[in-house]
Amino acid sequence: MNSKVTSEGSKLDALKWLVVIAIVAVGVVGNSVFSGESLLYRVLALLALALVAGFVAFQTAKGRAFFQLFKEAKNEIRKVVWPTRQETLQTTAIVVVAVLIVGLLLWGLDSLLGWLVSGVIG
């Protein structure tokens, strides 16, 4: 089924991607040409062009595949078992304590090595 979509979609997909690139180019050039206009108008125009470019891009096979991937990712996020507040606090405390212990050990090792090197060098 996926190869069928690619073979059917590939006929006009290149043209659609050229249209998307042209819309983005119009947005970039238009933003610099109309730099004297209000920022609000330029942002609204860029948003409108982005929506049109996104709509055209979603009409391609890769755009539909991206949208499908987005929907599947959204479903996977719903399946995640998130930790409770207590589990999060306990894990954070364990990490903080471990970092402090390793930091103290490295500080002690650095001080010892510094003392030994200064004793050898003089």
PDB file of N, CA and C in Angstrom:
ATOM      1  N   MET A   1       0.822  -1.183   0.000  1.00  0.00           N
ATOM      2  CA  MET A   1       0.000   0.000   0.000  1.00  0.00           C
ATOM      3  C   MET A   1       0.872   1.255   0.000  1.00  0.00           C
ATOM      4  N   ASN A   2       1.957   1.237   0.735  1.00  0.00           N
ATOM      5  CA  ASN A   2       2.822   2.404   0.820  1.00  0.00           C
ATOM      6  C   ASN A   2       3.479   2.691  -0.524  1.00  0.00           C
ATOM      7  N   SER A   3       3.868   1.629  -1.260  1.00  0.00           N
ATOM      8  CA  SER A   3       4.472   1.848  -2.576  1.00  0.00           C
ATOM      9  C   SER A   3       3.446   2.395  -3.557  1.00  0.00           C
ATOM     10  N   LYS A   4       2.191   2.016  -3.373  1.00  0.00           N
ATOM     11  CA  LYS A   4       1.128   2.540  -4.229  1.00  0.00           C
ATOM     12  C   LYS A   4       0.947   4.038  -4.009  1.00  0.00           C
ATOM     13  N   VAL A   5       1.008   4.456  -2.758  1.00  0.00           N
ATOM     14  CA  VAL A   5       0.864   5.871  -2.441  1.00  0.00           C
ATOM     15  C   VAL A   5       2.030   6.651  -3.022  1.00  0.00           C
ATOM     16  N   THR A   6       3.250   6.085  -2.915  1.00  0.00           N
ATOM     17  CA  THR A   6       4.418   6.806  -3.431  1.00  0.00           C
ATOM     18  C   THR A   6       4.379   6.894  -4.948  1.00  0.00           C
ATOM     19  N   SER A   7       3.973   5.838  -5.617  1.00  0.00           N
ATOM     20  CA  SER A   7       3.956   5.898  -7.075  1.00  0.00           C
ATOM     21  C   SER A   7       2.879   6.861  -7.563  1.00  0.00           C
ATOM     22  N   GLU A   8       1.721   6.878  -6.907  1.00  0.00           N
ATOM     23  CA  GLU A   8       0.662   7.800  -7.312  1.00  0.00           C
ATOM     24  C   GLU A   8       1.019   9.235  -6.929  1.00  0.00           C
ATOM     25  N   GLY A   9       1.585   9.404  -5.746  1.00  0.00           N
ATOM     26  CA  GLY A   9       1.873  10.732  -5.255  1.00  0.00           C
ATOM     27  C   GLY A   9       3.079  11.370  -5.905  1.00  0.00           C
ATOM     28  N   SER A  10       3.982  10.571  -6.442  1.00  0.00           N
ATOM     29  CA  SER A  10       5.232  11.119  -6.956  1.00  0.00           C
ATOM     30  C   SER A  10       5.052  11.875  -8.271  1.00  0.00           C
ATOM     31  N   LYS A  11       3.927  11.728  -8.936  1.00  0.00           N
ATOM     32  CA  LYS A  11       3.726  12.391 -10.218  1.00  0.00           C
ATOM     33  C   LYS A  11       3.677  13.905 -10.071  1.00  0.00           C
ATOM     34  N   LEU A  12       2.948  14.389  -9.094  1.00  0.00           N
ATOM     35  CA  LEU A  12       2.809  15.830  -8.915  1.00  0.00           C
ATOM     36  C   LEU A  12       3.528  16.344  -7.669  1.00  0.00           C
ATOM     37  N   ASP A  13       4.144  15.449  -6.913  1.00  0.00           N
ATOM     38  CA  ASP A  13       4.788  15.868  -5.674  1.00  0.00           C
ATOM     39  C   ASP A  13       5.928  16.848  -5.916  1.00  0.00           C
ATOM     40  N   ALA A  14       6.701  16.633  -6.950  1.00  0.00           N
ATOM     41  CA  ALA A  14       7.817  17.543  -7.233  1.00  0.00           C
ATOM     42  C   ALA A  14       7.300  18.953  -7.517  1.00  0.00           C
ATOM     43  N   LEU A  15       6.213  19.037  -8.249  1.00  0.00           N
ATOM     44  CA  LEU A  15       5.621  20.342  -8.536  1.00  0.00           C
ATOM     45  C   LEU A  15       5.081  20.989  -7.261  1.00  0.00           C
ATOM     46  N   LYS A  16       4.472  20.188  -6.407  1.00  0.00           N
ATOM     47  CA  LYS A  16       3.947  20.726  -5.143  1.00  0.00           C
ATOM     48  C   LYS A  16       5.077  21.237  -4.265  1.00  0.00           C
ATOM     49  N   TRP A  17       6.206  20.512  -4.225  1.00  0.00           N
ATOM     50  CA  TRP A  17       7.342  20.969  -3.419  1.00  0.00           C
ATOM     51  C   TRP A  17       7.941  22.244  -4.003  1.00  0.00           C
ATOM     52  N   LEU A  18       7.924  22.376  -5.321  1.00  0.00           N
ATOM     53  CA  LEU A  18       8.381  23.630  -5.929  1.00  0.00           C
ATOM     54  C   LEU A  18       7.469  24.790  -5.544  1.00  0.00           C
ATOM     55  N   VAL A  19       6.179  24.520  -5.456  1.00  0.00           N
ATOM     56  CA  VAL A  19       5.231  25.551  -5.032  1.00  0.00           C
ATOM     57  C   VAL A  19       5.508  25.940  -3.576  1.00  0.00           C
ATOM     58  N   VAL A  20       5.795  24.959  -2.732  1.00  0.00           N
ATOM     59  CA  VAL A  20       6.108  25.239  -1.322  1.00  0.00           C
ATOM     60  C   VAL A  20       7.371  26.099  -1.237  1.00  0.00           C
ATOM     61  N   ILE A  21       8.398  25.734  -1.994  1.00  0.00           N
ATOM     62  CA  ILE A  21       9.650  26.501  -1.991  1.00  0.00           C
ATOM     63  C   ILE A  21       9.399  27.922  -2.490  1.00  0.00           C
ATOM     64  N   ALA A  22       8.557  28.048  -3.526  1.00  0.00           N
ATOM     65  CA  ALA A  22       8.241  29.383  -4.055  1.00  0.00           C
ATOM     66  C   ALA A  22       7.501  30.219  -3.015  1.00  0.00           C
ATOM     67  N   ILE A  23       6.581  29.608  -2.279  1.00  0.00           N
ATOM     68  CA  ILE A  23       5.842  30.340  -1.252  1.00  0.00           C
ATOM     69  C   ILE A  23       6.788  30.807  -0.149  1.00  0.00           C
ATOM     70  N   VAL A  24       7.706  29.940   0.264  1.00  0.00           N
ATOM     71  CA  VAL A  24       8.682  30.318   1.294  1.00  0.00           C
ATOM     72  C   VAL A  24       9.576  31.443   0.781  1.00  0.00           C
ATOM     73  N   ALA A  25       9.996  31.350  -0.483  1.00  0.00           N
ATOM     74  CA  ALA A  25      10.840  32.397  -1.063  1.00  0.00           C
ATOM     75  C   ALA A  25      10.086  33.724  -1.126  1.00  0.00           C
ATOM     76  N   VAL A  26       8.815  33.686  -1.485  1.00  0.00           N
ATOM     77  CA  VAL A  26       8.006  34.908  -1.508  1.00  0.00           C
ATOM     78  C   VAL A  26       7.930  35.507  -0.109  1.00  0.00           C
ATOM     79  N   GLY A  27       7.802  34.665   0.906  1.00  0.00           N
ATOM     80  CA  GLY A  27       7.761  35.156   2.279  1.00  0.00           C
ATOM     81  C   GLY A  27       9.058  35.826   2.690  1.00  0.00           C
ATOM     82  N   VAL A  28      10.187  35.213   2.331  1.00  0.00           N
ATOM     83  CA  VAL A  28      11.488  35.779   2.699  1.00  0.00           C
ATOM     84  C   VAL A  28      11.728  37.096   1.981  1.00  0.00           C
ATOM     85  N   VAL A  29      11.494  37.102   0.665  1.00  0.00           N
ATOM     86  CA  VAL A  29      11.716  38.317  -0.122  1.00  0.00           C
ATOM     87  C   VAL A  29      10.724  39.405   0.285  1.00  0.00           C
ATOM     88  N   GLY A  30       9.474  39.021   0.470  1.00  0.00           N
ATOM     89  CA  GLY A  30       8.459  39.996   0.860  1.00  0.00           C
ATOM     90  C   GLY A  30       8.747  40.608   2.218  1.00  0.00           C
ATOM     91  N   ASN A  31       9.274  39.821   3.131  1.00  0.00           N
ATOM     92  CA  ASN A  31       9.600  40.351   4.454  1.00  0.00           C
ATOM     93  C   ASN A  31      10.713  41.390   4.369  1.00  0.00           C
ATOM     94  N   SER A  32      11.676  41.166   3.477  1.00  0.00           N
ATOM     95  CA  SER A  32      12.752  42.155   3.357  1.00  0.00           C
ATOM     96  C   SER A  32      12.308  43.370   2.533  1.00  0.00           C
ATOM     97  N   VAL A  33      11.473  43.165   1.529  1.00  0.00           N
ATOM     98  CA  VAL A  33      11.008  44.280   0.710  1.00  0.00           C
ATOM     99  C   VAL A  33      10.116  45.205   1.529  1.00  0.00           C
ATOM    100  N   PHE A  34       9.246  44.622   2.344  1.00  0.00           N
ATOM    101  CA  PHE A  34       8.320  45.413   3.140  1.00  0.00           C
ATOM    102  C   PHE A  34       8.823  45.617   4.566  1.00  0.00           C
ATOM    103  N   SER A  35      10.126  45.766   4.727  1.00  0.00           N
ATOM    104  CA  SER A  35      10.700  45.937   6.067  1.00  0.00           C
ATOM    105  C   SER A  35      10.259  47.239   6.726  1.00  0.00           C
ATOM    106  N   GLY A  36       9.804  48.199   5.938  1.00  0.00           N
ATOM    107  CA  GLY A  36       9.332  49.457   6.496  1.00  0.00           C
ATOM    108  C   GLY A  36       7.921  49.370   7.058  1.00  0.00           C
ATOM    109  N   GLU A  37       7.201  48.329   6.702  1.00  0.00           N
ATOM    110  CA  GLU A  37       5.826  48.167   7.191  1.00  0.00           C
ATOM    111  C   GLU A  37       5.833  47.713   8.646  1.00  0.00           C
ATOM    112  N   SER A  38       4.672  47.728   9.238  1.00  0.00           N
ATOM    113  CA  SER A  38       4.523  47.325  10.636  1.00  0.00           C
ATOM    114  C   SER A  38       4.912  45.856  10.806  1.00  0.00           C
ATOM    115  N   LEU A  39       5.540  45.557  11.919  1.00  0.00           N
ATOM    116  CA  LEU A  39       5.952  44.187  12.213  1.00  0.00           C
ATOM    117  C   LEU A  39       4.744  43.267  12.300  1.00  0.00           C
ATOM    118  N   LEU A  40       3.646  43.768  12.821  1.00  0.00           N
ATOM    119  CA  LEU A  40       2.431  42.965  12.948  1.00  0.00           C
ATOM    120  C   LEU A  40       1.946  42.482  11.582  1.00  0.00           C
ATOM    121  N   TYR A  41       1.925  43.388  10.603  1.00  0.00           N
ATOM    122  CA  TYR A  41       1.457  43.009   9.264  1.00  0.00           C
ATOM    123  C   TYR A  41       2.387  41.989   8.625  1.00  0.00           C
ATOM    124  N   ARG A  42       3.682  42.176   8.821  1.00  0.00           N
ATOM    125  CA  ARG A  42       4.633  41.234   8.234  1.00  0.00           C
ATOM    126  C   ARG A  42       4.513  39.858   8.872  1.00  0.00           C
ATOM    127  N   VAL A  43       4.326  39.817  10.186  1.00  0.00           N
ATOM    128  CA  VAL A  43       4.179  38.529  10.873  1.00  0.00           C
ATOM    129  C   VAL A  43       2.893  37.846  10.436  1.00  0.00           C
ATOM    130  N   LEU A  44       1.800  38.593  10.327  1.00  0.00           N
ATOM    131  CA  LEU A  44       0.540  37.998   9.874  1.00  0.00           C
ATOM    132  C   LEU A  44       0.664  37.457   8.448  1.00  0.00           C
ATOM    133  N   ALA A  45       1.352  38.207   7.587  1.00  0.00           N
ATOM    134  CA  ALA A  45       1.550  37.737   6.216  1.00  0.00           C
ATOM    135  C   ALA A  45       2.407  36.472   6.198  1.00  0.00           C
ATOM    136  N   LEU A  46       3.461  36.440   7.012  1.00  0.00           N
ATOM    137  CA  LEU A  46       4.312  35.250   7.063  1.00  0.00           C
ATOM    138  C   LEU A  46       3.554  34.047   7.612  1.00  0.00           C
ATOM    139  N   LEU A  47       2.692  34.271   8.601  1.00  0.00           N
ATOM    140  CA  LEU A  47       1.875  33.170   9.119  1.00  0.00           C
ATOM    141  C   LEU A  47       0.903  32.643   8.060  1.00  0.00           C
ATOM    142  N   ALA A  48       0.303  33.562   7.319  1.00  0.00           N
ATOM    143  CA  ALA A  48      -0.614  33.139   6.255  1.00  0.00           C
ATOM    144  C   ALA A  48       0.129  32.336   5.191  1.00  0.00           C
ATOM    145  N   LEU A  49       1.309  32.825   4.798  1.00  0.00           N
ATOM    146  CA  LEU A  49       2.100  32.085   3.809  1.00  0.00           C
ATOM    147  C   LEU A  49       2.551  30.735   4.345  1.00  0.00           C
ATOM    148  N   ALA A  50       2.895  30.670   5.637  1.00  0.00           N
ATOM    149  CA  ALA A  50       3.310  29.397   6.235  1.00  0.00           C
ATOM    150  C   ALA A  50       2.152  28.409   6.250  1.00  0.00           C
ATOM    151  N   LEU A  51       0.948  28.893   6.538  1.00  0.00           N
ATOM    152  CA  LEU A  51      -0.222  28.009   6.512  1.00  0.00           C
ATOM    153  C   LEU A  51      -0.486  27.473   5.106  1.00  0.00           C
ATOM    154  N   VAL A  52      -0.380  28.344   4.115  1.00  0.00           N
ATOM    155  CA  VAL A  52      -0.596  27.908   2.733  1.00  0.00           C
ATOM    156  C   VAL A  52       0.486  26.909   2.319  1.00  0.00           C
ATOM    157  N   ALA A  53       1.748  27.209   2.656  1.00  0.00           N
ATOM    158  CA  ALA A  53       2.842  26.297   2.312  1.00  0.00           C
ATOM    159  C   ALA A  53       2.672  24.957   3.032  1.00  0.00           C
ATOM    160  N   GLY A  54       2.251  24.999   4.297  1.00  0.00           N
ATOM    161  CA  GLY A  54       2.016  23.755   5.028  1.00  0.00           C
ATOM    162  C   GLY A  54       0.879  22.951   4.432  1.00  0.00           C
ATOM    163  N   PHE A  55      -0.182  23.647   4.018  1.00  0.00           N
ATOM    164  CA  PHE A  55      -1.309  22.945   3.396  1.00  0.00           C
ATOM    165  C   PHE A  55      -0.876  22.255   2.108  1.00  0.00           C
ATOM    166  N   VAL A  56      -0.099  22.961   1.297  1.00  0.00           N
ATOM    167  CA  VAL A  56       0.376  22.373   0.040  1.00  0.00           C
ATOM    168  C   VAL A  56       1.319  21.211   0.338  1.00  0.00           C
ATOM    169  N   ALA A  57       2.195  21.365   1.342  1.00  0.00           N
ATOM    170  CA  ALA A  57       3.142  20.300   1.673  1.00  0.00           C
ATOM    171  C   ALA A  57       2.421  19.056   2.174  1.00  0.00           C
ATOM    172  N   PHE A  58       1.329  19.237   2.928  1.00  0.00           N
ATOM    173  CA  PHE A  58       0.591  18.082   3.428  1.00  0.00           C
ATOM    174  C   PHE A  58      -0.184  17.359   2.333  1.00  0.00           C
ATOM    175  N   GLN A  59      -0.252  17.928   1.145  1.00  0.00           N
ATOM    176  CA  GLN A  59      -0.911  17.260   0.027  1.00  0.00           C
ATOM    177  C   GLN A  59       0.017  16.276  -0.674  1.00  0.00           C
ATOM    178  N   THR A  60       1.304  16.287  -0.315  1.00  0.00           N
ATOM    179  CA  THR A  60       2.264  15.373  -0.930  1.00  0.00           C
ATOM    180  C   THR A  60       2.297  14.062  -0.148  1.00  0.00           C
ATOM    181  N   ALA A  61       2.936  13.057  -0.727  1.00  0.00           N
ATOM    182  CA  ALA A  61       3.051  11.761  -0.056  1.00  0.00           C
ATOM    183  C   ALA A  61       3.868  11.887   1.220  1.00  0.00           C
ATOM    184  N   LYS A  62       4.970  12.630   1.174  1.00  0.00           N
ATOM    185  CA  LYS A  62       5.790  12.807   2.381  1.00  0.00           C
ATOM    186  C   LYS A  62       5.045  13.618   3.427  1.00  0.00           C
ATOM    187  N   GLY A  63       4.247  14.563   3.015  1.00  0.00           N
ATOM    188  CA  GLY A  63       3.450  15.338   3.950  1.00  0.00           C
ATOM    189  C   GLY A  63       2.412  14.475   4.651  1.00  0.00           C
ATOM    190  N   ARG A  64       1.765  13.597   3.899  1.00  0.00           N
ATOM    191  CA  ARG A  64       0.798  12.686   4.512  1.00  0.00           C
ATOM    192  C   ARG A  64       1.494  11.711   5.451  1.00  0.00           C
ATOM    193  N   ALA A  65       2.691  11.255   5.058  1.00  0.00           N
ATOM    194  CA  ALA A  65       3.445  10.351   5.932  1.00  0.00           C
ATOM    195  C   ALA A  65       3.855  11.057   7.216  1.00  0.00           C
ATOM    196  N   PHE A  66       4.238  12.323   7.114  1.00  0.00           N
ATOM    197  CA  PHE A  66       4.591  13.099   8.307  1.00  0.00           C
ATOM    198  C   PHE A  66       3.390  13.251   9.219  1.00  0.00           C
ATOM    199  N   PHE A  67       2.233  13.541   8.650  1.00  0.00           N
ATOM    200  CA  PHE A  67       1.026  13.699   9.446  1.00  0.00           C
ATOM    201  C   PHE A  67       0.653  12.385  10.130  1.00  0.00           C
ATOM    202  N   GLN A  68       0.825  11.280   9.426  1.00  0.00           N
ATOM    203  CA  GLN A  68       0.552   9.962  10.003  1.00  0.00           C
ATOM    204  C   GLN A  68       1.520   9.677  11.155  1.00  0.00           C
ATOM    205  N   LEU A  69       2.795  10.015  10.966  1.00  0.00           N
ATOM    206  CA  LEU A  69       3.788   9.841  12.024  1.00  0.00           C
ATOM    207  C   LEU A  69       3.428  10.684  13.239  1.00  0.00           C
ATOM    208  N   PHE A  70       2.971  11.904  13.009  1.00  0.00           N
ATOM    209  CA  PHE A  70       2.560  12.791  14.094  1.00  0.00           C
ATOM    210  C   PHE A  70       1.401  12.179  14.879  1.00  0.00           C
ATOM    211  N   LYS A  71       0.413  11.630  14.183  1.00  0.00           N
ATOM    212  CA  LYS A  71      -0.729  11.015  14.862  1.00  0.00           C
ATOM    213  C   LYS A  71      -0.295   9.795  15.664  1.00  0.00           C
ATOM    214  N   GLU A  72       0.602   8.976  15.112  1.00  0.00           N
ATOM    215  CA  GLU A  72       1.078   7.798  15.827  1.00  0.00           C
ATOM    216  C   GLU A  72       1.889   8.189  17.056  1.00  0.00           C
ATOM    217  N   ALA A  73       2.700   9.235  16.938  1.00  0.00           N
ATOM    218  CA  ALA A  73       3.476   9.700  18.088  1.00  0.00           C
ATOM    219  C   ALA A  73       2.550  10.205  19.188  1.00  0.00           C
ATOM    220  N   LYS A  74       1.499  10.879  18.801  1.00  0.00           N
ATOM    221  CA  LYS A  74       0.523  11.381  19.769  1.00  0.00           C
ATOM    222  C   LYS A  74      -0.138  10.215  20.505  1.00  0.00           C
ATOM    223  N   ASN A  75      -0.447   9.144  19.782  1.00  0.00           N
ATOM    224  CA  ASN A  75      -1.029   7.962  20.418  1.00  0.00           C
ATOM    225  C   ASN A  75      -0.033   7.293  21.361  1.00  0.00           C
ATOM    226  N   GLU A  76       1.239   7.250  20.986  1.00  0.00           N
ATOM    227  CA  GLU A  76       2.258   6.645  21.842  1.00  0.00           C
ATOM    228  C   GLU A  76       2.455   7.442  23.125  1.00  0.00           C
ATOM    229  N   ILE A  77       2.350   8.766  23.040  1.00  0.00           N
ATOM    230  CA  ILE A  77       2.505   9.599  24.236  1.00  0.00           C
ATOM    231  C   ILE A  77       1.391   9.299  25.236  1.00  0.00           C
ATOM    232  N   ARG A  78       0.214   8.984  24.729  1.00  0.00           N
ATOM    233  CA  ARG A  78      -0.893   8.646  25.627  1.00  0.00           C
ATOM    234  C   ARG A  78      -0.629   7.343  26.378  1.00  0.00           C
ATOM    235  N   LYS A  79       0.189   6.451  25.816  1.00  0.00           N
ATOM    236  CA  LYS A  79       0.468   5.162  26.441  1.00  0.00           C
ATOM    237  C   LYS A  79       1.548   5.244  27.513  1.00  0.00           C
ATOM    238  N   VAL A  80       2.268   6.352  27.584  1.00  0.00           N
ATOM    239  CA  VAL A  80       3.364   6.486  28.537  1.00  0.00           C
ATOM    240  C   VAL A  80       2.801   6.543  29.954  1.00  0.00           C
ATOM    241  N   VAL A  81       3.451   5.796  30.854  1.00  0.00           N
ATOM    242  CA  VAL A  81       3.076   5.855  32.267  1.00  0.00           C
ATOM    243  C   VAL A  81       3.995   6.869  32.919  1.00  0.00           C
ATOM    244  N   TRP A  82       3.443   8.024  33.274  1.00  0.00           N
ATOM    245  CA  TRP A  82       4.235   9.099  33.843  1.00  0.00           C
ATOM    246  C   TRP A  82       4.430   8.856  35.326  1.00  0.00           C
ATOM    247  N   PRO A  83       5.595   9.216  35.871  1.00  0.00           N
ATOM    248  CA  PRO A  83       5.825   8.994  37.305  1.00  0.00           C
ATOM    249  C   PRO A  83       4.972   9.929  38.152  1.00  0.00           C
ATOM    250  N   THR A  84       4.703   9.474  39.368  1.00  0.00           N
ATOM    251  CA  THR A  84       3.941  10.313  40.290  1.00  0.00           C
ATOM    252  C   THR A  84       4.848  11.423  40.821  1.00  0.00           C
ATOM    253  N   ARG A  85       4.256  12.353  41.523  1.00  0.00           N
ATOM    254  CA  ARG A  85       5.033  13.458  42.094  1.00  0.00           C
ATOM    255  C   ARG A  85       6.060  12.930  43.096  1.00  0.00           C
ATOM    256  N   GLN A  86       5.658  11.960  43.908  1.00  0.00           N
ATOM    257  CA  GLN A  86       6.570  11.389  44.899  1.00  0.00           C
ATOM    258  C   GLN A  86       7.744  10.678  44.228  1.00  0.00           C
ATOM    259  N   GLU A  87       7.464   9.901  43.188  1.00  0.00           N
ATOM    260  CA  GLU A  87       8.546   9.215  42.465  1.00  0.00           C
ATOM    261  C   GLU A  87       9.507  10.223  41.840  1.00  0.00           C
ATOM    262  N   THR A  88       8.971  11.304  41.292  1.00  0.00           N
ATOM    263  CA  THR A  88       9.815  12.332  40.687  1.00  0.00           C
ATOM    264  C   THR A  88      10.702  12.995  41.723  1.00  0.00           C
ATOM    265  N   LEU A  89      10.140  13.331  42.876  1.00  0.00           N
ATOM    266  CA  LEU A  89      10.927  13.964  43.940  1.00  0.00           C
ATOM    267  C   LEU A  89      12.006  13.020  44.469  1.00  0.00           C
ATOM    268  N   GLN A  90      11.668  11.747  44.646  1.00  0.00           N
ATOM    269  CA  GLN A  90      12.649  10.787  45.141  1.00  0.00           C
ATOM    270  C   GLN A  90      13.788  10.592  44.143  1.00  0.00           C
ATOM    271  N   THR A  91      13.454  10.473  42.876  1.00  0.00           N
ATOM    272  CA  THR A  91      14.480  10.295  41.854  1.00  0.00           C
ATOM    273  C   THR A  91      15.367  11.527  41.767  1.00  0.00           C
ATOM    274  N   THR A  92      14.766  12.708  41.844  1.00  0.00           N
ATOM    275  CA  THR A  92      15.542  13.944  41.813  1.00  0.00           C
ATOM    276  C   THR A  92      16.481  14.020  43.012  1.00  0.00           C
ATOM    277  N   ALA A  93      15.997  13.637  44.184  1.00  0.00           N
ATOM    278  CA  ALA A  93      16.835  13.661  45.386  1.00  0.00           C
ATOM    279  C   ALA A  93      18.009  12.692  45.246  1.00  0.00           C
ATOM    280  N   ILE A  94      17.759  11.526  44.701  1.00  0.00           N
ATOM    281  CA  ILE A  94      18.831  10.549  44.502  1.00  0.00           C
ATOM    282  C   ILE A  94      19.889  11.102  43.551  1.00  0.00           C
ATOM    283  N   VAL A  95      19.464  11.735  42.473  1.00  0.00           N
ATOM    284  CA  VAL A  95      20.406  12.305  41.511  1.00  0.00           C
ATOM    285  C   VAL A  95      21.216  13.430  42.149  1.00  0.00           C
ATOM    286  N   VAL A  96      20.567  14.303  42.914  1.00  0.00           N
ATOM    287  CA  VAL A  96      21.277  15.409  43.559  1.00  0.00           C
ATOM    288  C   VAL A  96      22.310  14.874  44.546  1.00  0.00           C
ATOM    289  N   VAL A  97      21.940  13.890  45.348  1.00  0.00           N
ATOM    290  CA  VAL A  97      22.882  13.308  46.317  1.00  0.00           C
ATOM    291  C   VAL A  97      24.050  12.644  45.597  1.00  0.00           C
ATOM    292  N   ALA A  98      23.766  11.906  44.523  1.00  0.00           N
ATOM    293  CA  ALA A  98      24.840  11.249  43.773  1.00  0.00           C
ATOM    294  C   ALA A  98      25.787  12.282  43.167  1.00  0.00           C
ATOM    295  N   VAL A  99      25.262  13.373  42.648  1.00  0.00           N
ATOM    296  CA  VAL A  99      26.103  14.424  42.066  1.00  0.00           C
ATOM    297  C   VAL A  99      26.966  15.065  43.140  1.00  0.00           C
ATOM    298  N   LEU A 100      26.386  15.313  44.313  1.00  0.00           N
ATOM    299  CA  LEU A 100      27.164  15.901  45.407  1.00  0.00           C
ATOM    300  C   LEU A 100      28.283  14.962  45.852  1.00  0.00           C
ATOM    301  N   ILE A 101      27.995  13.682  45.974  1.00  0.00           N
ATOM    302  CA  ILE A 101      29.022  12.720  46.392  1.00  0.00           C
ATOM    303  C   ILE A 101      30.149  12.647  45.369  1.00  0.00           C
ATOM    304  N   VAL A 102      29.806  12.534  44.100  1.00  0.00           N
ATOM    305  CA  VAL A 102      30.834  12.479  43.055  1.00  0.00           C
ATOM    306  C   VAL A 102      31.613  13.783  43.012  1.00  0.00           C
ATOM    307  N   GLY A 103      30.934  14.908  43.176  1.00  0.00           N
ATOM    308  CA  GLY A 103      31.619  16.205  43.200  1.00  0.00           C
ATOM    309  C   GLY A 103      32.611  16.300  44.346  1.00  0.00           C
ATOM    310  N   LEU A 104      32.199  15.841  45.541  1.00  0.00           N
ATOM    311  CA  LEU A 104      33.110  15.856  46.686  1.00  0.00           C
ATOM    312  C   LEU A 104      34.299  14.924  46.484  1.00  0.00           C
ATOM    313  N   LEU A 105      34.041  13.750  45.894  1.00  0.00           N
ATOM    314  CA  LEU A 105      35.145  12.822  45.618  1.00  0.00           C
ATOM    315  C   LEU A 105      36.132  13.422  44.614  1.00  0.00           C
ATOM    316  N   LEU A 106      35.620  14.041  43.571  1.00  0.00           N
ATOM    317  CA  LEU A 106      36.510  14.662  42.584  1.00  0.00           C
ATOM    318  C   LEU A 106      37.264  15.838  43.173  1.00  0.00           C
ATOM    319  N   TRP A 107      36.622  16.631  44.031  1.00  0.00           N
ATOM    320  CA  TRP A 107      37.294  17.745  44.699  1.00  0.00           C
ATOM    321  C   TRP A 107      38.420  17.232  45.598  1.00  0.00           C
ATOM    322  N   GLY A 108      38.123  16.155  46.343  1.00  0.00           N
ATOM    323  CA  GLY A 108      39.150  15.569  47.206  1.00  0.00           C
ATOM    324  C   GLY A 108      40.308  15.011  46.406  1.00  0.00           C
ATOM    325  N   LEU A 109      40.018  14.309  45.305  1.00  0.00           N
ATOM    326  CA  LEU A 109      41.074  13.763  44.453  1.00  0.00           C
ATOM    327  C   LEU A 109      41.898  14.877  43.834  1.00  0.00           C
ATOM    328  N   ASP A 110      41.253  15.927  43.393  1.00  0.00           N
ATOM    329  CA  ASP A 110      41.964  17.066  42.806  1.00  0.00           C
ATOM    330  C   ASP A 110      42.853  17.740  43.850  1.00  0.00           C
ATOM    331  N   SER A 111      42.348  17.903  45.049  1.00  0.00           N
ATOM    332  CA  SER A 111      43.150  18.521  46.114  1.00  0.00           C
ATOM    333  C   SER A 111      44.349  17.650  46.460  1.00  0.00           C
ATOM    334  N   LEU A 112      44.128  16.324  46.552  1.00  0.00           N
ATOM    335  CA  LEU A 112      45.226  15.406  46.853  1.00  0.00           C
ATOM    336  C   LEU A 112      46.280  15.434  45.765  1.00  0.00           C
ATOM    337  N   LEU A 113      45.856  15.367  44.512  1.00  0.00           N
ATOM    338  CA  LEU A 113      46.819  15.396  43.404  1.00  0.00           C
ATOM    339  C   LEU A 113      47.533  16.738  43.329  1.00  0.00           C
ATOM    340  N   GLY A 114      46.819  17.813  43.589  1.00  0.00           N
ATOM    341  CA  GLY A 114      47.459  19.130  43.609  1.00  0.00           C
ATOM    342  C   GLY A 114      48.503  19.228  44.709  1.00  0.00           C
ATOM    343  N   TRP A 115      48.190  18.678  45.876  1.00  0.00           N
ATOM    344  CA  TRP A 115      49.135  18.692  46.983  1.00  0.00           C
ATOM    345  C   TRP A 115      50.371  17.854  46.662  1.00  0.00           C
ATOM    346  N   LEU A 116      50.147  16.657  46.041  1.00  0.00           N
ATOM    347  CA  LEU A 116      51.274  15.809  45.676  1.00  0.00           C
ATOM    348  C   LEU A 116      52.152  16.464  44.616  1.00  0.00           C
ATOM    349  N   VAL A 117      51.540  17.070  43.595  1.00  0.00           N
ATOM    350  CA  VAL A 117      52.325  17.714  42.522  1.00  0.00           C
ATOM    351  C   VAL A 117      53.077  18.898  43.069  1.00  0.00           C
ATOM    352  N   SER A 118      52.447  19.706  43.927  1.00  0.00           N
ATOM    353  CA  SER A 118      53.152  20.854  44.491  1.00  0.00           C
ATOM    354  C   SER A 118      54.278  20.391  45.410  1.00  0.00           C
ATOM    355  N   GLY A 119      54.128  19.229  46.049  1.00  0.00           N
ATOM    356  CA  GLY A 119      55.212  18.687  46.867  1.00  0.00           C
ATOM    357  C   GLY A 119      56.365  18.202  46.029  1.00  0.00           C
ATOM    358  N   VAL A 120      56.084  17.638  44.860  1.00  0.00           N
ATOM    359  CA  VAL A 120      57.150  17.156  43.969  1.00  0.00           C
ATOM    360  C   VAL A 120      57.839  18.313  43.270  1.00  0.00           C
ATOM    361  N   ILE A 121      57.063  19.261  42.785  1.00  0.00           N
ATOM    362  CA  ILE A 121      57.626  20.396  42.052  1.00  0.00           C
ATOM    363  C   ILE A 121      58.309  21.355  43.005  1.00  0.00           C
ATOM    364  N   GLY A 122      57.746  21.540  44.136  1.00  0.00           N
ATOM    365  CA  GLY A 122      58.401  22.402  45.120  1.00  0.00           C
ATOM    366  C   GLY A 122      57.736  23.672  45.212  1.00  0.00           C
TER     367      GLY A 122
END
